[in-house]
Amino acid sequence: MPDGGRDTELLIEDEVREPRMFRVLLHNDDYTTMEFVVSILVEVFRRTPDEATRIMLAVHEKGVGECGVYTAEVAETKVALVHARARREGYPLRCTLEEV
């Protein structure tokens, strides 16, 4: 026997954890148009036009609006997409993430 005749007991303990989740937020500024914010919400975050309008109004009225909750990698990618598109269009739109 390869193990020298001993019983070898292999104990495998898999600890399954839920992935860390992050809330993606848009922040109000005095330059980014409401139309651009709605387009970001529809195209990047796949919100319906009604949902996008509701979130855009929260950004406008409260200073911040939640776009969605995602795993770290997805949240980071969406933040980068928002910033890249906003800069390309000449807007200072700020998008952040925070752990849930």
PDB file of N, CA and C in Angstrom:
ATOM      1  N   MET A   1       0.842  -1.189   0.000  1.00  0.00           N
ATOM      2  CA  MET A   1       0.000   0.000   0.000  1.00  0.00           C
ATOM      3  C   MET A   1       0.878   1.241   0.000  1.00  0.00           C
ATOM      4  N   PRO A   2       0.490   2.243  -0.785  1.00  0.00           N
ATOM      5  CA  PRO A   2       1.329   3.434  -0.881  1.00  0.00           C
ATOM      6  C   PRO A   2       1.448   4.209   0.424  1.00  0.00           C
ATOM      7  N   ASP A   3       0.501   4.062   1.320  1.00  0.00           N
ATOM      8  CA  ASP A   3       0.552   4.848   2.554  1.00  0.00           C
ATOM      9  C   ASP A   3       1.163   4.064   3.712  1.00  0.00           C
ATOM     10  N   GLY A   4       1.838   2.954   3.398  1.00  0.00           N
ATOM     11  CA  GLY A   4       2.494   2.164   4.426  1.00  0.00           C
ATOM     12  C   GLY A   4       1.532   1.344   5.253  1.00  0.00           C
ATOM     13  N   GLY A   5       0.336   1.044   4.751  1.00  0.00           N
ATOM     14  CA  GLY A   5      -0.614   0.231   5.464  1.00  0.00           C
ATOM     15  C   GLY A   5      -1.489   0.993   6.436  1.00  0.00           C
ATOM     16  N   ARG A   6      -1.288   2.257   6.548  1.00  0.00           N
ATOM     17  CA  ARG A   6      -2.093   3.051   7.472  1.00  0.00           C
ATOM     18  C   ARG A   6      -3.353   3.531   6.771  1.00  0.00           C
ATOM     19  N   ASP A   7      -4.409   3.648   7.541  1.00  0.00           N
ATOM     20  CA  ASP A   7      -5.618   4.274   7.007  1.00  0.00           C
ATOM     21  C   ASP A   7      -5.384   5.773   6.996  1.00  0.00           C
ATOM     22  N   THR A   8      -5.546   6.327   5.875  1.00  0.00           N
ATOM     23  CA  THR A   8      -5.381   7.768   5.759  1.00  0.00           C
ATOM     24  C   THR A   8      -6.760   8.382   5.626  1.00  0.00           C
ATOM     25  N   GLU A   9      -7.052   9.252   6.543  1.00  0.00           N
ATOM     26  CA  GLU A   9      -8.354   9.917   6.503  1.00  0.00           C
ATOM     27  C   GLU A   9      -8.121  11.355   6.070  1.00  0.00           C
ATOM     28  N   LEU A  10      -8.767  11.694   5.015  1.00  0.00           N
ATOM     29  CA  LEU A  10      -8.630  13.043   4.479  1.00  0.00           C
ATOM     30  C   LEU A  10      -9.870  13.829   4.862  1.00  0.00           C
ATOM     31  N   LEU A  11      -9.675  14.846   5.619  1.00  0.00           N
ATOM     32  CA  LEU A  11     -10.788  15.677   6.053  1.00  0.00           C
ATOM     33  C   LEU A  11     -10.733  16.980   5.260  1.00  0.00           C
ATOM     34  N   ILE A  12     -11.747  17.148   4.481  1.00  0.00           N
ATOM     35  CA  ILE A  12     -11.828  18.374   3.692  1.00  0.00           C
ATOM     36  C   ILE A  12     -13.015  19.165   4.220  1.00  0.00           C
ATOM     37  N   GLU A  13     -12.712  20.339   4.618  1.00  0.00           N
ATOM     38  CA  GLU A  13     -13.759  21.198   5.148  1.00  0.00           C
ATOM     39  C   GLU A  13     -13.802  22.443   4.280  1.00  0.00           C
ATOM     40  N   ASP A  14     -14.816  22.536   3.496  1.00  0.00           N
ATOM     41  CA  ASP A  14     -14.977  23.712   2.643  1.00  0.00           C
ATOM     42  C   ASP A  14     -15.867  24.709   3.354  1.00  0.00           C
ATOM     43  N   GLU A  15     -15.333  25.860   3.520  1.00  0.00           N
ATOM     44  CA  GLU A  15     -16.130  26.927   4.103  1.00  0.00           C
ATOM     45  C   GLU A  15     -16.628  27.788   2.953  1.00  0.00           C
ATOM     46  N   VAL A  16     -17.904  27.777   2.760  1.00  0.00           N
ATOM     47  CA  VAL A  16     -18.493  28.536   1.668  1.00  0.00           C
ATOM     48  C   VAL A  16     -18.989  29.857   2.226  1.00  0.00           C
ATOM     49  N   ARG A  17     -18.510  30.907   1.635  1.00  0.00           N
ATOM     50  CA  ARG A  17     -18.908  32.250   2.059  1.00  0.00           C
ATOM     51  C   ARG A  17     -19.577  32.953   0.901  1.00  0.00           C
ATOM     52  N   GLU A  18     -20.549  33.761   1.237  1.00  0.00           N
ATOM     53  CA  GLU A  18     -21.161  34.614   0.223  1.00  0.00           C
ATOM     54  C   GLU A  18     -20.121  35.659  -0.178  1.00  0.00           C
ATOM     55  N   PRO A  19     -20.101  36.053  -1.449  1.00  0.00           N
ATOM     56  CA  PRO A  19     -19.141  37.090  -1.852  1.00  0.00           C
ATOM     57  C   PRO A  19     -19.495  38.430  -1.204  1.00  0.00           C
ATOM     58  N   ARG A  20     -18.484  39.223  -0.956  1.00  0.00           N
ATOM     59  CA  ARG A  20     -18.729  40.568  -0.425  1.00  0.00           C
ATOM     60  C   ARG A  20     -19.484  41.358  -1.479  1.00  0.00           C
ATOM     61  N   MET A  21     -20.443  42.125  -1.028  1.00  0.00           N
ATOM     62  CA  MET A  21     -21.272  42.901  -1.942  1.00  0.00           C
ATOM     63  C   MET A  21     -21.018  44.397  -1.733  1.00  0.00           C
ATOM     64  N   PHE A  22     -21.144  45.134  -2.839  1.00  0.00           N
ATOM     65  CA  PHE A  22     -20.878  46.568  -2.805  1.00  0.00           C
ATOM     66  C   PHE A  22     -22.015  47.333  -3.468  1.00  0.00           C
ATOM     67  N   ARG A  23     -22.389  48.417  -2.828  1.00  0.00           N
ATOM     68  CA  ARG A  23     -23.413  49.326  -3.338  1.00  0.00           C
ATOM     69  C   ARG A  23     -22.706  50.350  -4.223  1.00  0.00           C
ATOM     70  N   VAL A  24     -23.221  50.554  -5.429  1.00  0.00           N
ATOM     71  CA  VAL A  24     -22.653  51.549  -6.346  1.00  0.00           C
ATOM     72  C   VAL A  24     -23.528  52.799  -6.272  1.00  0.00           C
ATOM     73  N   LEU A  25     -22.872  53.940  -6.059  1.00  0.00           N
ATOM     74  CA  LEU A  25     -23.575  55.204  -5.849  1.00  0.00           C
ATOM     75  C   LEU A  25     -23.162  56.250  -6.876  1.00  0.00           C
ATOM     76  N   LEU A  26     -24.130  57.048  -7.307  1.00  0.00           N
ATOM     77  CA  LEU A  26     -23.854  58.234  -8.130  1.00  0.00           C
ATOM     78  C   LEU A  26     -24.023  59.456  -7.242  1.00  0.00           C
ATOM     79  N   HIS A  27     -23.158  60.453  -7.462  1.00  0.00           N
ATOM     80  CA  HIS A  27     -23.175  61.667  -6.641  1.00  0.00           C
ATOM     81  C   HIS A  27     -23.549  62.876  -7.497  1.00  0.00           C
ATOM     82  N   ASN A  28     -24.307  63.759  -6.907  1.00  0.00           N
ATOM     83  CA  ASN A  28     -24.760  64.956  -7.604  1.00  0.00           C
ATOM     84  C   ASN A  28     -23.603  65.935  -7.822  1.00  0.00           C
ATOM     85  N   ASP A  29     -23.676  66.656  -8.914  1.00  0.00           N
ATOM     86  CA  ASP A  29     -22.767  67.773  -9.173  1.00  0.00           C
ATOM     87  C   ASP A  29     -23.559  68.824  -9.943  1.00  0.00           C
ATOM     88  N   ASP A  30     -22.953  69.970 -10.141  1.00  0.00           N
ATOM     89  CA  ASP A  30     -23.660  71.086 -10.790  1.00  0.00           C
ATOM     90  C   ASP A  30     -23.517  71.105 -12.306  1.00  0.00           C
ATOM     91  N   TYR A  31     -22.870  70.103 -12.906  1.00  0.00           N
ATOM     92  CA  TYR A  31     -22.577  70.151 -14.331  1.00  0.00           C
ATOM     93  C   TYR A  31     -23.151  69.003 -15.156  1.00  0.00           C
ATOM     94  N   THR A  32     -23.218  67.825 -14.564  1.00  0.00           N
ATOM     95  CA  THR A  32     -23.702  66.658 -15.310  1.00  0.00           C
ATOM     96  C   THR A  32     -25.211  66.780 -15.509  1.00  0.00           C
ATOM     97  N   THR A  33     -25.644  66.607 -16.746  1.00  0.00           N
ATOM     98  CA  THR A  33     -27.074  66.755 -17.033  1.00  0.00           C
ATOM     99  C   THR A  33     -27.874  65.554 -16.521  1.00  0.00           C
ATOM    100  N   MET A  34     -29.136  65.820 -16.228  1.00  0.00           N
ATOM    101  CA  MET A  34     -30.033  64.752 -15.787  1.00  0.00           C
ATOM    102  C   MET A  34     -30.188  63.702 -16.882  1.00  0.00           C
ATOM    103  N   GLU A  35     -30.208  64.145 -18.129  1.00  0.00           N
ATOM    104  CA  GLU A  35     -30.350  63.222 -19.252  1.00  0.00           C
ATOM    105  C   GLU A  35     -29.161  62.261 -19.332  1.00  0.00           C
ATOM    106  N   PHE A  36     -27.966  62.788 -19.077  1.00  0.00           N
ATOM    107  CA  PHE A  36     -26.779  61.934 -19.112  1.00  0.00           C
ATOM    108  C   PHE A  36     -26.831  60.911 -17.986  1.00  0.00           C
ATOM    109  N   VAL A  37     -27.241  61.327 -16.803  1.00  0.00           N
ATOM    110  CA  VAL A  37     -27.343  60.401 -15.673  1.00  0.00           C
ATOM    111  C   VAL A  37     -28.338  59.293 -15.994  1.00  0.00           C
ATOM    112  N   VAL A  38     -29.479  59.642 -16.560  1.00  0.00           N
ATOM    113  CA  VAL A  38     -30.469  58.625 -16.938  1.00  0.00           C
ATOM    114  C   VAL A  38     -29.869  57.670 -17.961  1.00  0.00           C
ATOM    115  N   SER A  39     -29.144  58.197 -18.936  1.00  0.00           N
ATOM    116  CA  SER A  39     -28.555  57.309 -19.953  1.00  0.00           C
ATOM    117  C   SER A  39     -27.531  56.362 -19.341  1.00  0.00           C
ATOM    118  N   ILE A  40     -26.746  56.827 -18.378  1.00  0.00           N
ATOM    119  CA  ILE A  40     -25.786  55.970 -17.669  1.00  0.00           C
ATOM    120  C   ILE A  40     -26.524  54.858 -16.936  1.00  0.00           C
ATOM    121  N   LEU A  41     -27.604  55.220 -16.260  1.00  0.00           N
ATOM    122  CA  LEU A  41     -28.361  54.232 -15.488  1.00  0.00           C
ATOM    123  C   LEU A  41     -28.997  53.180 -16.396  1.00  0.00           C
ATOM    124  N   VAL A  42     -29.460  53.589 -17.551  1.00  0.00           N
ATOM    125  CA  VAL A  42     -30.073  52.643 -18.494  1.00  0.00           C
ATOM    126  C   VAL A  42     -29.009  51.758 -19.141  1.00  0.00           C
ATOM    127  N   GLU A  43     -27.926  52.360 -19.605  1.00  0.00           N
ATOM    128  CA  GLU A  43     -26.931  51.620 -20.385  1.00  0.00           C
ATOM    129  C   GLU A  43     -25.929  50.833 -19.546  1.00  0.00           C
ATOM    130  N   VAL A  44     -25.454  51.401 -18.454  1.00  0.00           N
ATOM    131  CA  VAL A  44     -24.440  50.731 -17.640  1.00  0.00           C
ATOM    132  C   VAL A  44     -25.081  49.827 -16.584  1.00  0.00           C
ATOM    133  N   PHE A  45     -26.166  50.317 -15.990  1.00  0.00           N
ATOM    134  CA  PHE A  45     -26.774  49.580 -14.882  1.00  0.00           C
ATOM    135  C   PHE A  45     -28.036  48.819 -15.280  1.00  0.00           C
ATOM    136  N   ARG A  46     -28.406  48.900 -16.568  1.00  0.00           N
ATOM    137  CA  ARG A  46     -29.551  48.144 -17.107  1.00  0.00           C
ATOM    138  C   ARG A  46     -30.859  48.431 -16.362  1.00  0.00           C
ATOM    139  N   ARG A  47     -31.057  49.680 -16.007  1.00  0.00           N
ATOM    140  CA  ARG A  47     -32.297  50.106 -15.363  1.00  0.00           C
ATOM    141  C   ARG A  47     -33.316  50.470 -16.434  1.00  0.00           C
ATOM    142  N   THR A  48     -34.584  50.308 -16.104  1.00  0.00           N
ATOM    143  CA  THR A  48     -35.625  50.757 -17.018  1.00  0.00           C
ATOM    144  C   THR A  48     -35.611  52.282 -17.018  1.00  0.00           C
ATOM    145  N   PRO A  49     -36.178  52.922 -18.033  1.00  0.00           N
ATOM    146  CA  PRO A  49     -36.228  54.388 -18.022  1.00  0.00           C
ATOM    147  C   PRO A  49     -36.926  54.950 -16.775  1.00  0.00           C
ATOM    148  N   ASP A  50     -37.972  54.284 -16.306  1.00  0.00           N
ATOM    149  CA  ASP A  50     -38.657  54.761 -15.087  1.00  0.00           C
ATOM    150  C   ASP A  50     -37.768  54.629 -13.854  1.00  0.00           C
ATOM    151  N   GLU A  51     -37.088  53.485 -13.715  1.00  0.00           N
ATOM    152  CA  GLU A  51     -36.165  53.299 -12.588  1.00  0.00           C
ATOM    153  C   GLU A  51     -35.029  54.312 -12.662  1.00  0.00           C
ATOM    154  N   ALA A  52     -34.501  54.499 -13.855  1.00  0.00           N
ATOM    155  CA  ALA A  52     -33.390  55.433 -14.051  1.00  0.00           C
ATOM    156  C   ALA A  52     -33.803  56.850 -13.669  1.00  0.00           C
ATOM    157  N   THR A  53     -34.998  57.244 -14.041  1.00  0.00           N
ATOM    158  CA  THR A  53     -35.487  58.581 -13.693  1.00  0.00           C
ATOM    159  C   THR A  53     -35.629  58.726 -12.187  1.00  0.00           C
ATOM    160  N   ARG A  54     -36.162  57.692 -11.533  1.00  0.00           N
ATOM    161  CA  ARG A  54     -36.334  57.728 -10.078  1.00  0.00           C
ATOM    162  C   ARG A  54     -34.974  57.866  -9.383  1.00  0.00           C
ATOM    163  N   ILE A  55     -33.977  57.095  -9.820  1.00  0.00           N
ATOM    164  CA  ILE A  55     -32.637  57.159  -9.225  1.00  0.00           C
ATOM    165  C   ILE A  55     -31.992  58.515  -9.505  1.00  0.00           C
ATOM    166  N   MET A  56     -32.150  59.005 -10.739  1.00  0.00           N
ATOM    167  CA  MET A  56     -31.588  60.314 -11.095  1.00  0.00           C
ATOM    168  C   MET A  56     -32.178  61.408 -10.203  1.00  0.00           C
ATOM    169  N   LEU A  57     -33.475  61.348  -9.936  1.00  0.00           N
ATOM    170  CA  LEU A  57     -34.111  62.350  -9.068  1.00  0.00           C
ATOM    171  C   LEU A  57     -33.580  62.249  -7.636  1.00  0.00           C
ATOM    172  N   ALA A  58     -33.305  61.037  -7.175  1.00  0.00           N
ATOM    173  CA  ALA A  58     -32.711  60.871  -5.839  1.00  0.00           C
ATOM    174  C   ALA A  58     -31.320  61.509  -5.800  1.00  0.00           C
ATOM    175  N   VAL A  59     -30.549  61.298  -6.868  1.00  0.00           N
ATOM    176  CA  VAL A  59     -29.221  61.917  -6.955  1.00  0.00           C
ATOM    177  C   VAL A  59     -29.365  63.439  -6.905  1.00  0.00           C
ATOM    178  N   HIS A  60     -30.291  63.967  -7.670  1.00  0.00           N
ATOM    179  CA  HIS A  60     -30.499  65.412  -7.758  1.00  0.00           C
ATOM    180  C   HIS A  60     -31.001  66.002  -6.438  1.00  0.00           C
ATOM    181  N   GLU A  61     -31.959  65.334  -5.823  1.00  0.00           N
ATOM    182  CA  GLU A  61     -32.599  65.891  -4.622  1.00  0.00           C
ATOM    183  C   GLU A  61     -31.846  65.581  -3.332  1.00  0.00           C
ATOM    184  N   LYS A  62     -31.244  64.400  -3.234  1.00  0.00           N
ATOM    185  CA  LYS A  62     -30.594  63.981  -1.985  1.00  0.00           C
ATOM    186  C   LYS A  62     -29.072  64.043  -2.056  1.00  0.00           C
ATOM    187  N   GLY A  63     -28.535  64.256  -3.253  1.00  0.00           N
ATOM    188  CA  GLY A  63     -27.094  64.337  -3.410  1.00  0.00           C
ATOM    189  C   GLY A  63     -26.431  63.030  -3.771  1.00  0.00           C
ATOM    190  N   VAL A  64     -27.157  61.925  -3.620  1.00  0.00           N
ATOM    191  CA  VAL A  64     -26.606  60.609  -3.927  1.00  0.00           C
ATOM    192  C   VAL A  64     -27.754  59.658  -4.241  1.00  0.00           C
ATOM    193  N   GLY A  65     -27.476  58.688  -5.137  1.00  0.00           N
ATOM    194  CA  GLY A  65     -28.480  57.688  -5.474  1.00  0.00           C
ATOM    195  C   GLY A  65     -27.823  56.345  -5.692  1.00  0.00           C
ATOM    196  N   GLU A  66     -28.506  55.290  -5.272  1.00  0.00           N
ATOM    197  CA  GLU A  66     -27.975  53.941  -5.406  1.00  0.00           C
ATOM    198  C   GLU A  66     -28.339  53.352  -6.761  1.00  0.00           C
ATOM    199  N   CYS A  67     -27.320  52.901  -7.484  1.00  0.00           N
ATOM    200  CA  CYS A  67     -27.511  52.310  -8.804  1.00  0.00           C
ATOM    201  C   CYS A  67     -27.777  50.812  -8.733  1.00  0.00           C
ATOM    202  N   GLY A  68     -27.227  50.152  -7.713  1.00  0.00           N
ATOM    203  CA  GLY A  68     -27.393  48.717  -7.558  1.00  0.00           C
ATOM    204  C   GLY A  68     -26.367  48.161  -6.598  1.00  0.00           C
ATOM    205  N   VAL A  69     -26.494  46.857  -6.308  1.00  0.00           N
ATOM    206  CA  VAL A  69     -25.580  46.160  -5.412  1.00  0.00           C
ATOM    207  C   VAL A  69     -24.990  44.990  -6.185  1.00  0.00           C
ATOM    208  N   TYR A  70     -23.650  44.902  -6.166  1.00  0.00           N
ATOM    209  CA  TYR A  70     -22.941  43.937  -6.990  1.00  0.00           C
ATOM    210  C   TYR A  70     -21.753  43.352  -6.228  1.00  0.00           C
ATOM    211  N   THR A  71     -21.201  42.273  -6.768  1.00  0.00           N
ATOM    212  CA  THR A  71     -19.943  41.755  -6.229  1.00  0.00           C
ATOM    213  C   THR A  71     -18.850  42.793  -6.497  1.00  0.00           C
ATOM    214  N   ALA A  72     -17.731  42.652  -5.810  1.00  0.00           N
ATOM    215  CA  ALA A  72     -16.655  43.649  -5.908  1.00  0.00           C
ATOM    216  C   ALA A  72     -16.209  43.890  -7.339  1.00  0.00           C
ATOM    217  N   GLU A  73     -15.953  42.828  -8.082  1.00  0.00           N
ATOM    218  CA  GLU A  73     -15.437  42.980  -9.439  1.00  0.00           C
ATOM    219  C   GLU A  73     -16.435  43.675 -10.353  1.00  0.00           C
ATOM    220  N   VAL A  74     -17.696  43.298 -10.238  1.00  0.00           N
ATOM    221  CA  VAL A  74     -18.728  43.922 -11.076  1.00  0.00           C
ATOM    222  C   VAL A  74     -18.897  45.385 -10.683  1.00  0.00           C
ATOM    223  N   ALA A  75     -18.927  45.676  -9.390  1.00  0.00           N
ATOM    224  CA  ALA A  75     -19.082  47.058  -8.926  1.00  0.00           C
ATOM    225  C   ALA A  75     -17.922  47.928  -9.405  1.00  0.00           C
ATOM    226  N   GLU A  76     -16.696  47.423  -9.276  1.00  0.00           N
ATOM    227  CA  GLU A  76     -15.521  48.186  -9.723  1.00  0.00           C
ATOM    228  C   GLU A  76     -15.566  48.443 -11.221  1.00  0.00           C
ATOM    229  N   THR A  77     -16.002  47.465 -11.982  1.00  0.00           N
ATOM    230  CA  THR A  77     -16.101  47.627 -13.430  1.00  0.00           C
ATOM    231  C   THR A  77     -17.129  48.682 -13.787  1.00  0.00           C
ATOM    232  N   LYS A  78     -18.269  48.666 -13.125  1.00  0.00           N
ATOM    233  CA  LYS A  78     -19.320  49.647 -13.418  1.00  0.00           C
ATOM    234  C   LYS A  78     -18.864  51.058 -13.061  1.00  0.00           C
ATOM    235  N   VAL A  79     -18.175  51.215 -11.934  1.00  0.00           N
ATOM    236  CA  VAL A  79     -17.641  52.531 -11.556  1.00  0.00           C
ATOM    237  C   VAL A  79     -16.675  53.023 -12.631  1.00  0.00           C
ATOM    238  N   ALA A  80     -15.795  52.154 -13.087  1.00  0.00           N
ATOM    239  CA  ALA A  80     -14.817  52.538 -14.120  1.00  0.00           C
ATOM    240  C   ALA A  80     -15.524  52.909 -15.420  1.00  0.00           C
ATOM    241  N   LEU A  81     -16.560  52.168 -15.800  1.00  0.00           N
ATOM    242  CA  LEU A  81     -17.313  52.482 -17.018  1.00  0.00           C
ATOM    243  C   LEU A  81     -17.981  53.853 -16.918  1.00  0.00           C
ATOM    244  N   VAL A  82     -18.586  54.131 -15.768  1.00  0.00           N
ATOM    245  CA  VAL A  82     -19.238  55.435 -15.571  1.00  0.00           C
ATOM    246  C   VAL A  82     -18.213  56.548 -15.692  1.00  0.00           C
ATOM    247  N   HIS A  83     -17.094  56.419 -14.998  1.00  0.00           N
ATOM    248  CA  HIS A  83     -16.076  57.478 -15.038  1.00  0.00           C
ATOM    249  C   HIS A  83     -15.513  57.667 -16.447  1.00  0.00           C
ATOM    250  N   ALA A  84     -15.251  56.584 -17.152  1.00  0.00           N
ATOM    251  CA  ALA A  84     -14.697  56.688 -18.509  1.00  0.00           C
ATOM    252  C   ALA A  84     -15.685  57.390 -19.431  1.00  0.00           C
ATOM    253  N   ARG A  85     -16.937  56.990 -19.379  1.00  0.00           N
ATOM    254  CA  ARG A  85     -17.928  57.604 -20.262  1.00  0.00           C
ATOM    255  C   ARG A  85     -18.172  59.068 -19.893  1.00  0.00           C
ATOM    256  N   ALA A  86     -18.239  59.354 -18.596  1.00  0.00           N
ATOM    257  CA  ALA A  86     -18.458  60.739 -18.160  1.00  0.00           C
ATOM    258  C   ALA A  86     -17.307  61.626 -18.610  1.00  0.00           C
ATOM    259  N   ARG A  87     -16.090  61.177 -18.452  1.00  0.00           N
ATOM    260  CA  ARG A  87     -14.932  61.999 -18.865  1.00  0.00           C
ATOM    261  C   ARG A  87     -14.921  62.199 -20.373  1.00  0.00           C
ATOM    262  N   ARG A  88     -15.259  61.129 -21.104  1.00  0.00           N
ATOM    263  CA  ARG A  88     -15.291  61.223 -22.565  1.00  0.00           C
ATOM    264  C   ARG A  88     -16.316  62.267 -23.016  1.00  0.00           C
ATOM    265  N   GLU A  89     -17.430  62.363 -22.269  1.00  0.00           N
ATOM    266  CA  GLU A  89     -18.487  63.321 -22.618  1.00  0.00           C
ATOM    267  C   GLU A  89     -18.278  64.688 -21.963  1.00  0.00           C
ATOM    268  N   GLY A  90     -17.223  64.820 -21.145  1.00  0.00           N
ATOM    269  CA  GLY A  90     -16.903  66.105 -20.527  1.00  0.00           C
ATOM    270  C   GLY A  90     -17.644  66.393 -19.235  1.00  0.00           C
ATOM    271  N   TYR A  91     -18.122  65.359 -18.554  1.00  0.00           N
ATOM    272  CA  TYR A  91     -18.848  65.548 -17.290  1.00  0.00           C
ATOM    273  C   TYR A  91     -17.987  65.100 -16.113  1.00  0.00           C
ATOM    274  N   PRO A  92     -18.143  65.785 -14.961  1.00  0.00           N
ATOM    275  CA  PRO A  92     -17.380  65.400 -13.763  1.00  0.00           C
ATOM    276  C   PRO A  92     -18.131  64.392 -12.879  1.00  0.00           C
ATOM    277  N   LEU A  93     -19.073  63.663 -13.437  1.00  0.00           N
ATOM    278  CA  LEU A  93     -19.908  62.742 -12.662  1.00  0.00           C
ATOM    279  C   LEU A  93     -19.047  61.821 -11.811  1.00  0.00           C
ATOM    280  N   ARG A  94     -19.392  61.732 -10.545  1.00  0.00           N
ATOM    281  CA  ARG A  94     -18.653  60.891  -9.616  1.00  0.00           C
ATOM    282  C   ARG A  94     -19.476  59.665  -9.249  1.00  0.00           C
ATOM    283  N   CYS A  95     -18.832  58.527  -9.272  1.00  0.00           N
ATOM    284  CA  CYS A  95     -19.474  57.256  -8.968  1.00  0.00           C
ATOM    285  C   CYS A  95     -18.562  56.537  -7.974  1.00  0.00           C
ATOM    286  N   THR A  96     -19.134  56.050  -6.883  1.00  0.00           N
ATOM    287  CA  THR A  96     -18.341  55.371  -5.863  1.00  0.00           C
ATOM    288  C   THR A  96     -18.993  54.053  -5.490  1.00  0.00           C
ATOM    289  N   LEU A  97     -18.264  53.275  -4.698  1.00  0.00           N
ATOM    290  CA  LEU A  97     -18.856  52.043  -4.179  1.00  0.00           C
ATOM    291  C   LEU A  97     -18.568  51.961  -2.687  1.00  0.00           C
ATOM    292  N   GLU A  98     -19.477  51.290  -1.981  1.00  0.00           N
ATOM    293  CA  GLU A  98     -19.283  51.076  -0.553  1.00  0.00           C
ATOM    294  C   GLU A  98     -19.767  49.671  -0.223  1.00  0.00           C
ATOM    295  N   GLU A  99     -19.070  49.046   0.710  1.00  0.00           N
ATOM    296  CA  GLU A  99     -19.449  47.680   1.062  1.00  0.00           C
ATOM    297  C   GLU A  99     -20.785  47.678   1.791  1.00  0.00           C
ATOM    298  N   VAL A 100     -21.598  46.693   1.443  1.00  0.00           N
ATOM    299  CA  VAL A 100     -22.924  46.568   2.059  1.00  0.00           C
ATOM    300  C   VAL A 100     -22.760  45.978   3.441  1.00  0.00           C
TER     301      VAL A 100
END
